[in-house]
């Protein structure tokens, strides 16, 4: 029996605040876009027309709407799971079949994963084959989409089950210090995943092959050498079989480090623009952003595990949601819900750090290229090709944007003055 007390009231208020904030920010952004969306920003004068801006407004509105509805439905589903008595019923059914608490915990989380995965898959299906299709981005087939879903489910089940099983075992055998051991294991696991991702996990979903333009590869390697970065290779990814969106990224650690360019990017941009985009990605490594992010994640993880360890011994947490005894795997779920709702309010901090990293990567790209011209042109093309919002609301940017708005990035880059050195002209002359 669910108890209506201060804890339940606080949770409902927290969910209400989060939902209200999401709706408010999306409404502000949509109104701002409809009001100013047809104005050509200074950075795009002469390269975009009103018809394109109308399409940008429509795509941004549709894609943001589906994300908002998905998020609100997810929160409603969570409240339903918490307040309907579903959790005690599920635990009772599991206890009739499985006596082992670790096995029971794995089944418990697997069952909840199915509850959340079904609506998530339906929303993704709609976003892919309706919204993305409507604006000409979707190139995937239903067969590929289903295969991707199966692969993602298998991967999540294997990796998630492994970590969860270790976590429940540690709670059982190291009751007082389990959170420290769990943190060390999870930290090692995350580093291993970053190392393995480009060579083991990513090839499960996409084909990676050396870029066919050898001259471009030589110029890329020259810039990498100049940046002091050694990578395992420069690859193109068959992204065009799923989407017409364009992108590039640097991934991996140590010898697994590699540069990856979307094949759609190679088709849409000049060699200089591709080099500028790549130098931006290299800038993240040059400024140690991936290492800094990993360190920040580990600090946050340690703090959260400490809070979870304290919360697992809180009797009110279990009684409130219909449990007469402390069940660790139930406590993990309940505390995870509480922390996720509170954590949403701290999102602007993470967004601010990410935007700072992006500006630093832009600066590094200018230093490596010797000019901001090609990065500016690449950003213009990327924005228009991806129908990026050129007029976002400042509050929406502050809360959600991991990258600075493209108009601001271009204005900042155009102010950069940099003179090539003799060493830099060597790469430009290739």
Protein backbone atom coordinates (compact mmCIF):
# COMPACT_ATOMS: atom_id res chain seq x y z
CA UNK A 1 0.00 0.00 0.00
CA UNK A 2 1.47 3.36 -1.07
CA UNK A 3 1.69 5.89 1.77
CA UNK A 4 0.79 9.51 1.05
CA UNK A 5 3.41 11.35 3.08
CA UNK A 6 5.96 14.14 2.77
CA UNK A 7 8.25 11.99 0.62
CA UNK A 8 5.56 11.22 -1.95
CA UNK A 9 4.45 14.85 -1.93
CA UNK A 10 8.02 16.01 -2.47
CA UNK A 11 8.48 13.58 -5.37
CA UNK A 12 5.28 14.72 -7.06
CA UNK A 13 6.28 18.37 -6.62
CA UNK A 14 9.75 17.62 -8.07
CA UNK A 15 8.23 15.89 -11.09
CA UNK A 16 5.80 18.78 -11.49
CA UNK A 17 8.60 21.34 -11.39
CA UNK A 18 10.63 19.39 -13.94
CA UNK A 19 7.67 18.95 -16.32
CA UNK A 20 6.68 22.61 -15.99
CA UNK A 21 10.24 23.72 -16.66
CA UNK A 22 10.51 21.49 -19.74
CA UNK A 23 7.21 22.77 -21.15
CA UNK A 24 8.06 26.40 -20.38
CA UNK A 25 11.51 26.26 -21.98
CA UNK A 26 10.17 24.52 -25.09
CA UNK A 27 7.31 27.03 -25.41
CA UNK A 28 9.74 29.94 -25.03
CA UNK A 29 12.03 28.48 -27.66
CA UNK A 30 9.19 27.78 -30.10
CA UNK A 31 7.65 31.26 -29.69
CA UNK A 32 11.07 32.89 -30.10
CA UNK A 33 11.73 30.85 -33.24
CA UNK A 34 8.36 31.68 -34.78
CA UNK A 35 8.90 35.36 -34.01
CA UNK A 36 12.48 35.69 -35.21
CA UNK A 37 12.98 32.54 -37.29
CA UNK A 38 12.48 34.29 -40.62
CA UNK A 39 15.18 36.88 -39.88
CA UNK A 40 18.48 36.05 -41.57
CA UNK A 41 21.29 36.26 -38.97
CA UNK A 42 24.27 38.42 -39.90
CA UNK A 43 26.51 35.34 -40.09
CA UNK A 44 24.25 33.80 -42.76
CA UNK A 45 23.53 36.81 -44.95
CA UNK A 46 23.72 35.84 -48.61
CA UNK A 47 23.82 32.08 -47.92
CA UNK A 48 20.28 31.34 -46.67
CA UNK A 49 16.86 32.37 -47.92
CA UNK A 50 13.44 32.68 -46.27
CA UNK A 51 12.28 29.31 -47.64
CA UNK A 52 15.19 27.55 -45.91
CA UNK A 53 14.52 29.40 -42.65
CA UNK A 54 10.87 28.33 -42.80
CA UNK A 55 12.00 24.72 -43.14
CA UNK A 56 14.41 25.16 -40.20
CA UNK A 57 11.56 26.51 -38.06
CA UNK A 58 9.27 23.62 -38.98
CA UNK A 59 11.93 20.95 -38.36
CA UNK A 60 13.01 22.43 -35.03
CA UNK A 61 9.40 22.71 -33.86
CA UNK A 62 8.51 19.15 -34.86
CA UNK A 63 11.66 17.52 -33.47
CA UNK A 64 11.49 19.45 -30.19
CA UNK A 65 7.80 18.61 -29.82
CA UNK A 66 8.35 14.85 -30.14
CA UNK A 67 11.25 15.00 -27.65
CA UNK A 68 9.11 16.95 -25.19
CA UNK A 69 6.16 14.55 -25.46
CA UNK A 70 8.51 11.60 -25.07
CA UNK A 71 10.05 13.12 -21.95
CA UNK A 72 6.69 13.96 -20.38
CA UNK A 73 5.34 10.47 -21.13
CA UNK A 74 8.46 8.97 -19.53
CA UNK A 75 7.91 11.01 -16.39
CA UNK A 76 4.23 10.04 -16.32
CA UNK A 77 5.20 6.39 -16.70
CA UNK A 78 7.66 6.67 -13.80
CA UNK A 79 5.03 8.23 -11.55
CA UNK A 80 2.63 5.45 -12.53
CA UNK A 81 5.20 2.78 -11.67
CA UNK A 82 5.90 4.44 -8.30
CA UNK A 83 2.34 5.23 -7.20
CA UNK A 84 0.26 2.39 -8.66
CA UNK A 85 1.57 -0.41 -6.45
CA UNK A 86 3.23 -2.01 -9.47
CA UNK A 87 6.62 -2.35 -7.75
CA UNK A 88 5.41 -4.44 -4.74
CA UNK A 89 3.37 -6.60 -7.12
CA UNK A 90 6.41 -7.15 -9.38
CA UNK A 91 8.71 -8.01 -6.46
CA UNK A 92 6.13 -10.45 -5.09
CA UNK A 93 5.84 -12.24 -8.44
CA UNK A 94 9.63 -12.44 -8.77
CA UNK A 95 10.01 -13.83 -5.22
CA UNK A 96 7.68 -16.71 -6.13
CA UNK A 97 10.06 -17.76 -8.89
CA UNK A 98 13.53 -16.70 -7.71
CA UNK A 99 14.84 -16.91 -4.15
CA UNK A 100 18.30 -15.52 -4.87
CA UNK A 101 18.31 -11.72 -4.23
CA UNK A 102 20.88 -11.07 -6.96
CA UNK A 103 18.98 -13.04 -9.56
CA UNK A 104 15.76 -11.41 -8.37
CA UNK A 105 17.33 -7.98 -8.75
CA UNK A 106 18.41 -8.72 -12.32
CA UNK A 107 14.89 -9.88 -13.24
CA UNK A 108 13.42 -6.82 -11.50
CA UNK A 109 15.50 -4.38 -13.54
CA UNK A 110 15.03 -6.40 -16.73
CA UNK A 111 11.26 -6.19 -16.27
CA UNK A 112 11.37 -2.43 -15.71
CA UNK A 113 13.63 -2.06 -18.74
CA UNK A 114 10.95 -3.67 -20.89
CA UNK A 115 8.31 -1.34 -19.43
CA UNK A 116 10.37 1.69 -20.44
CA UNK A 117 11.83 0.28 -23.67
CA UNK A 118 8.53 -0.30 -25.46
CA UNK A 119 7.30 3.35 -25.47
CA UNK A 120 10.86 4.57 -26.11
CA UNK A 121 11.06 2.36 -29.21
CA UNK A 122 7.70 3.62 -30.46
CA UNK A 123 8.78 7.25 -30.07
CA UNK A 124 12.06 6.55 -31.85
CA UNK A 125 10.18 4.79 -34.64
CA UNK A 126 7.95 7.82 -35.11
CA UNK A 127 10.86 10.28 -34.93
CA UNK A 128 12.84 8.29 -37.51
CA UNK A 129 10.17 7.35 -40.05
CA UNK A 130 7.87 10.36 -39.71
CA UNK A 131 9.77 13.45 -38.52
CA UNK A 132 13.20 12.68 -40.00
CA UNK A 133 11.57 11.25 -43.13
CA UNK A 134 9.43 14.37 -43.58
CA UNK A 135 12.52 16.60 -43.76
CA UNK A 136 14.60 14.30 -45.94
CA UNK A 137 17.07 13.09 -43.29
CA UNK A 138 16.06 9.46 -42.87
CA UNK A 139 17.78 6.95 -45.12
CA UNK A 140 17.45 3.85 -42.95
CA UNK A 141 15.16 0.92 -43.65
CA UNK A 142 12.79 -0.69 -41.19
CA UNK A 143 14.98 -3.80 -41.25
CA UNK A 144 18.10 -1.82 -40.29
CA UNK A 145 16.16 0.01 -37.57
CA UNK A 146 14.93 -3.27 -36.07
CA UNK A 147 18.41 -4.83 -36.23
CA UNK A 148 19.89 -1.76 -34.49
CA UNK A 149 17.24 -2.04 -31.78
CA UNK A 150 18.04 -5.72 -31.24
CA UNK A 151 21.77 -5.04 -31.06
CA UNK A 152 21.30 -2.14 -28.63
CA UNK A 153 19.05 -4.28 -26.44
CA UNK A 154 21.54 -7.15 -26.39
CA UNK A 155 24.43 -4.82 -25.61
CA UNK A 156 22.51 -3.08 -22.82
CA UNK A 157 21.42 -6.41 -21.35
CA UNK A 158 24.94 -7.83 -21.33
CA UNK A 159 26.80 -4.78 -20.05
CA UNK A 160 24.01 -3.54 -17.78
CA UNK A 161 23.45 -7.02 -16.34
CA UNK A 162 27.18 -7.41 -15.65
CA UNK A 163 27.49 -4.09 -13.81
CA UNK A 164 24.21 -4.54 -11.92
CA UNK A 165 25.13 -8.07 -10.88
CA UNK A 166 28.48 -6.87 -9.51
CA UNK A 167 26.77 -3.98 -7.75
CA UNK A 168 24.20 -6.20 -6.01
CA UNK A 169 26.93 -8.67 -5.04
CA UNK A 170 29.03 -5.91 -3.49
CA UNK A 171 26.04 -4.57 -1.54
CA UNK A 172 25.47 -8.07 -0.16
CA UNK A 173 29.06 -8.92 0.80
CA UNK A 174 30.49 -5.45 1.55
CA UNK A 175 27.57 -3.74 3.24
CA UNK A 176 29.47 -0.76 4.68
CA UNK A 177 32.06 -0.11 1.97
CA UNK A 178 30.34 -1.46 -1.16
CA UNK A 179 30.03 2.01 -2.70
CA UNK A 180 33.81 2.54 -2.72
CA UNK A 181 34.41 -0.84 -4.40
CA UNK A 182 31.56 -0.17 -6.82
CA UNK A 183 33.06 3.19 -7.74
CA UNK A 184 36.46 1.65 -8.51
CA UNK A 185 34.89 -1.07 -10.67
CA UNK A 186 32.64 1.36 -12.52
CA UNK A 187 35.53 3.78 -13.12
CA UNK A 188 37.63 0.98 -14.60
CA UNK A 189 34.66 -0.21 -16.65
CA UNK A 190 34.04 3.25 -18.13
CA UNK A 191 37.70 3.66 -19.13
CA UNK A 192 37.69 0.19 -20.72
CA UNK A 193 34.49 1.03 -22.63
CA UNK A 194 36.01 4.24 -24.01
CA UNK A 195 39.02 2.19 -25.10
CA UNK A 196 36.98 -0.66 -26.63
CA UNK A 197 34.19 1.37 -28.22
CA UNK A 198 35.86 2.25 -31.54
CA UNK A 199 37.30 -1.22 -32.17
CA UNK A 200 34.66 -3.56 -30.71
CA UNK A 201 31.29 -1.86 -30.14
CA UNK A 202 31.00 0.74 -32.92
CA UNK A 203 31.76 -1.78 -35.74
CA UNK A 204 28.72 -3.73 -34.55
CA UNK A 205 26.53 -0.97 -35.95
CA UNK A 206 28.56 0.69 -38.73
CA UNK A 207 31.25 -0.13 -41.23
CA UNK A 208 34.54 1.74 -40.81
CA UNK A 209 37.14 1.91 -43.53
CA UNK A 210 40.16 4.11 -44.30
CA UNK A 211 39.17 7.25 -46.18
CA UNK A 212 39.57 6.78 -49.91
CA UNK A 213 41.07 10.23 -50.59
CA UNK A 214 44.76 9.58 -49.88
CA UNK A 215 45.72 13.21 -50.41
CA UNK A 216 43.19 14.30 -47.79
CA UNK A 217 44.45 11.58 -45.45
CA UNK A 218 48.02 12.88 -45.85
CA UNK A 219 46.90 16.41 -44.99
CA UNK A 220 44.96 15.10 -42.00
CA UNK A 221 47.99 13.24 -40.69
CA UNK A 222 50.11 16.38 -41.13
CA UNK A 223 47.72 18.35 -38.93
CA UNK A 224 47.58 15.52 -36.38
CA UNK A 225 51.36 15.45 -36.23
CA UNK A 226 51.38 19.21 -35.72
CA UNK A 227 48.92 18.77 -32.84
CA UNK A 228 51.10 16.06 -31.30
CA UNK A 229 48.29 13.50 -31.62
CA UNK A 230 48.83 9.88 -32.61
CA UNK A 231 45.79 7.92 -33.74
CA UNK A 232 45.13 4.39 -34.89
CA UNK A 233 43.75 5.62 -38.20
CA UNK A 234 41.52 8.02 -40.07
CA UNK A 235 38.25 6.33 -41.04
CA UNK A 236 35.04 7.09 -42.85
CA UNK A 237 31.79 5.67 -41.43
CA UNK A 238 28.82 4.55 -43.52
CA UNK A 239 26.45 6.96 -41.76
CA UNK A 240 24.55 7.66 -44.99
CA UNK A 241 22.77 4.30 -44.78
CA UNK A 242 20.84 5.68 -41.77
CA UNK A 243 20.77 9.48 -42.04
CA UNK A 244 21.75 12.48 -44.13
CA UNK A 245 22.93 14.34 -41.03
CA UNK A 246 26.67 15.05 -41.12
CA UNK A 247 29.26 14.81 -38.36
CA UNK A 248 32.81 13.88 -37.34
CA UNK A 249 34.37 12.77 -34.07
CA UNK A 250 37.51 11.54 -32.32
CA UNK A 251 37.05 8.42 -30.22
CA UNK A 252 39.01 5.88 -28.20
CA UNK A 253 41.95 5.89 -25.82
CA UNK A 254 45.58 5.00 -26.36
CA UNK A 255 46.13 2.81 -29.41
CA UNK A 256 42.38 2.57 -30.07
CA UNK A 257 42.19 6.33 -30.69
CA UNK A 258 40.85 7.12 -34.14
CA UNK A 259 39.39 9.91 -36.26
CA UNK A 260 35.95 9.15 -37.75
CA UNK A 261 34.29 11.14 -40.54
CA UNK A 262 30.72 10.53 -41.72
CA UNK A 263 30.68 9.58 -45.40
CA UNK A 264 27.93 12.19 -45.81
CA UNK A 265 30.35 14.80 -44.44
CA UNK A 266 33.00 13.85 -47.00
CA UNK A 267 30.45 14.25 -49.78
CA UNK A 268 29.11 17.65 -48.64
CA UNK A 269 32.28 19.58 -47.73
CA UNK A 270 35.51 20.70 -49.35
CA UNK A 271 38.85 19.30 -48.18
CA UNK A 272 39.66 22.49 -46.26
CA UNK A 273 36.29 22.44 -44.48
CA UNK A 274 36.75 18.77 -43.57
CA UNK A 275 40.21 19.57 -42.18
CA UNK A 276 38.75 22.44 -40.14
CA UNK A 277 36.03 20.19 -38.67
CA UNK A 278 38.61 17.51 -37.92
CA UNK A 279 40.92 20.06 -36.27
CA UNK A 280 38.03 21.08 -34.03
CA UNK A 281 37.62 17.44 -32.95
CA UNK A 282 41.38 17.15 -32.47
CA UNK A 283 41.16 20.28 -30.34
CA UNK A 284 39.09 18.33 -27.82
CA UNK A 285 41.98 15.90 -27.42
CA UNK A 286 44.62 18.63 -27.50
CA UNK A 287 42.83 20.40 -24.62
CA UNK A 288 42.28 17.07 -22.78
CA UNK A 289 38.49 17.46 -22.76
CA UNK A 290 37.82 13.72 -22.85
CA UNK A 291 40.10 13.12 -19.86
CA UNK A 292 38.56 16.06 -17.99
CA UNK A 293 35.08 14.74 -18.72
CA UNK A 294 36.01 11.28 -17.47
CA UNK A 295 37.45 12.74 -14.25
CA UNK A 296 34.33 14.86 -13.72
CA UNK A 297 32.10 11.83 -14.30
CA UNK A 298 34.07 9.78 -11.79
CA UNK A 299 33.79 12.51 -9.13
CA UNK A 300 30.04 12.78 -9.67
CA UNK A 301 29.69 8.98 -9.66
CA UNK A 302 31.53 8.71 -6.35
CA UNK A 303 29.28 11.34 -4.75
CA UNK A 304 26.13 9.69 -6.08
CA UNK A 305 27.20 6.25 -4.88
CA UNK A 306 27.84 7.67 -1.42
CA UNK A 307 24.33 9.17 -1.36
CA UNK A 308 22.83 5.89 -2.59
CA UNK A 309 24.70 3.97 0.12
CA UNK A 310 23.17 6.22 2.78
CA UNK A 311 19.73 6.05 1.18
CA UNK A 312 19.60 2.26 0.98
CA UNK A 313 19.32 2.12 4.79
CA UNK A 314 16.43 4.62 4.90
CA UNK A 315 13.32 2.65 6.10
CA UNK A 316 10.87 5.38 5.04
CA UNK A 317 11.94 4.98 1.42
CA UNK A 318 10.65 1.38 1.35
CA UNK A 319 7.54 1.85 3.50
CA UNK A 320 6.37 4.77 1.38
CA UNK A 321 6.15 2.60 -1.73
CA UNK A 322 4.58 -0.47 -0.15
CA UNK A 323 7.54 -2.52 1.13
CA UNK A 324 7.81 -3.82 4.67
CA UNK A 325 11.53 -4.61 4.48
CA UNK A 326 14.65 -3.19 2.90
CA UNK A 327 15.28 -4.67 -0.53
CA UNK A 328 18.52 -3.34 -2.04
CA UNK A 329 17.56 -3.63 -5.70
CA UNK A 330 14.28 -1.82 -5.05
CA UNK A 331 16.19 0.89 -3.17
CA UNK A 332 18.56 1.31 -6.09
CA UNK A 333 15.66 1.94 -8.45
CA UNK A 334 13.85 4.34 -6.12
CA UNK A 335 16.98 6.34 -5.36
CA UNK A 336 17.86 6.39 -9.05
CA UNK A 337 14.50 8.00 -9.79
CA UNK A 338 14.94 10.60 -7.05
CA UNK A 339 18.46 11.51 -8.11
CA UNK A 340 17.51 11.75 -11.80
CA UNK A 341 14.73 14.25 -11.04
CA UNK A 342 17.03 16.38 -8.89
CA UNK A 343 19.90 15.98 -11.36
CA UNK A 344 17.82 17.50 -14.15
CA UNK A 345 18.00 20.84 -12.36
CA UNK A 346 21.81 20.73 -12.57
CA UNK A 347 21.79 20.25 -16.33
CA UNK A 348 22.75 23.89 -17.07
CA UNK A 349 26.07 23.29 -15.29
CA UNK A 350 26.98 20.42 -17.61
CA UNK A 351 25.78 22.39 -20.63
CA UNK A 352 27.94 25.36 -19.63
CA UNK A 353 31.05 23.20 -19.25
CA UNK A 354 30.40 21.56 -22.62
CA UNK A 355 29.98 24.92 -24.37
CA UNK A 356 33.26 26.08 -22.84
CA UNK A 357 34.98 22.98 -24.22
CA UNK A 358 33.51 23.65 -27.67
CA UNK A 359 34.86 27.21 -27.71
CA UNK A 360 38.29 25.93 -26.69
CA UNK A 361 38.15 23.31 -29.47
CA UNK A 362 37.26 26.08 -31.95
CA UNK A 363 40.33 28.03 -30.79
CA UNK A 364 42.51 24.95 -31.21
CA UNK A 365 41.15 24.43 -34.72
CA UNK A 366 42.07 28.00 -35.68
CA UNK A 367 45.59 27.50 -34.33
CA UNK A 368 46.01 24.24 -36.26
CA UNK A 369 44.52 25.55 -39.51
CA UNK A 370 46.12 28.99 -39.26
CA UNK A 371 42.80 30.65 -40.11
CA UNK A 372 39.18 30.62 -39.02
CA UNK A 373 37.80 30.95 -42.56
CA UNK A 374 37.32 27.27 -43.33
CA UNK A 375 35.79 26.42 -39.95
CA UNK A 376 33.32 29.28 -40.38
CA UNK A 377 32.31 27.97 -43.80
CA UNK A 378 32.03 24.43 -42.45
CA UNK A 379 29.80 25.57 -39.58
CA UNK A 380 27.53 27.40 -42.00
CA UNK A 381 27.14 24.31 -44.17
CA UNK A 382 26.70 21.97 -41.20
CA UNK A 383 24.00 24.18 -39.73
CA UNK A 384 22.04 24.51 -42.96
CA UNK A 385 22.45 20.87 -43.97
CA UNK A 386 21.24 19.74 -40.53
CA UNK A 387 18.48 22.41 -40.35
CA UNK A 388 19.92 23.72 -37.08
CA UNK A 389 18.00 26.42 -35.22
CA UNK A 390 19.69 29.73 -36.05
CA UNK A 391 17.58 31.71 -33.57
CA UNK A 392 17.31 29.74 -30.29
CA UNK A 393 15.99 31.37 -27.12
CA UNK A 394 18.86 32.32 -24.74
CA UNK A 395 17.27 30.46 -21.79
CA UNK A 396 16.87 27.31 -23.89
CA UNK A 397 20.52 27.61 -24.89
CA UNK A 398 21.60 28.14 -21.28
CA UNK A 399 19.74 25.08 -20.08
CA UNK A 400 20.14 22.54 -22.89
CA UNK A 401 22.77 23.47 -25.48
CA UNK A 402 26.01 21.50 -25.34
CA UNK A 403 27.38 23.70 -28.15
CA UNK A 404 27.25 27.50 -28.39
CA UNK A 405 24.63 28.72 -30.92
CA UNK A 406 26.19 28.64 -34.37
CA UNK A 407 25.66 32.38 -35.00
CA UNK A 408 27.64 33.20 -31.87
CA UNK A 409 30.37 30.71 -32.77
CA UNK A 410 30.78 32.20 -36.22
CA UNK A 411 30.84 35.78 -34.90
CA UNK A 412 33.51 34.80 -32.39
CA UNK A 413 35.60 32.96 -35.00
CA UNK A 414 35.44 35.84 -37.47
CA UNK A 415 37.09 38.06 -34.86
CA UNK A 416 40.04 35.70 -34.53
CA UNK A 417 43.25 37.00 -36.11
CA UNK A 418 45.94 34.41 -36.68
CA UNK A 419 49.02 34.41 -38.90
CA UNK A 420 50.36 31.17 -40.30
CA UNK A 421 53.82 30.13 -39.24
CA UNK A 422 56.27 28.50 -41.66
CA UNK A 423 55.58 25.12 -40.10
CA UNK A 424 51.83 25.53 -40.63
CA UNK A 425 52.13 26.44 -44.29
CA UNK A 426 53.68 22.99 -44.89
CA UNK A 427 50.34 21.28 -44.18
CA UNK A 428 48.39 23.86 -46.16
CA UNK A 429 50.64 23.34 -49.19
CA UNK A 430 50.09 19.57 -49.39
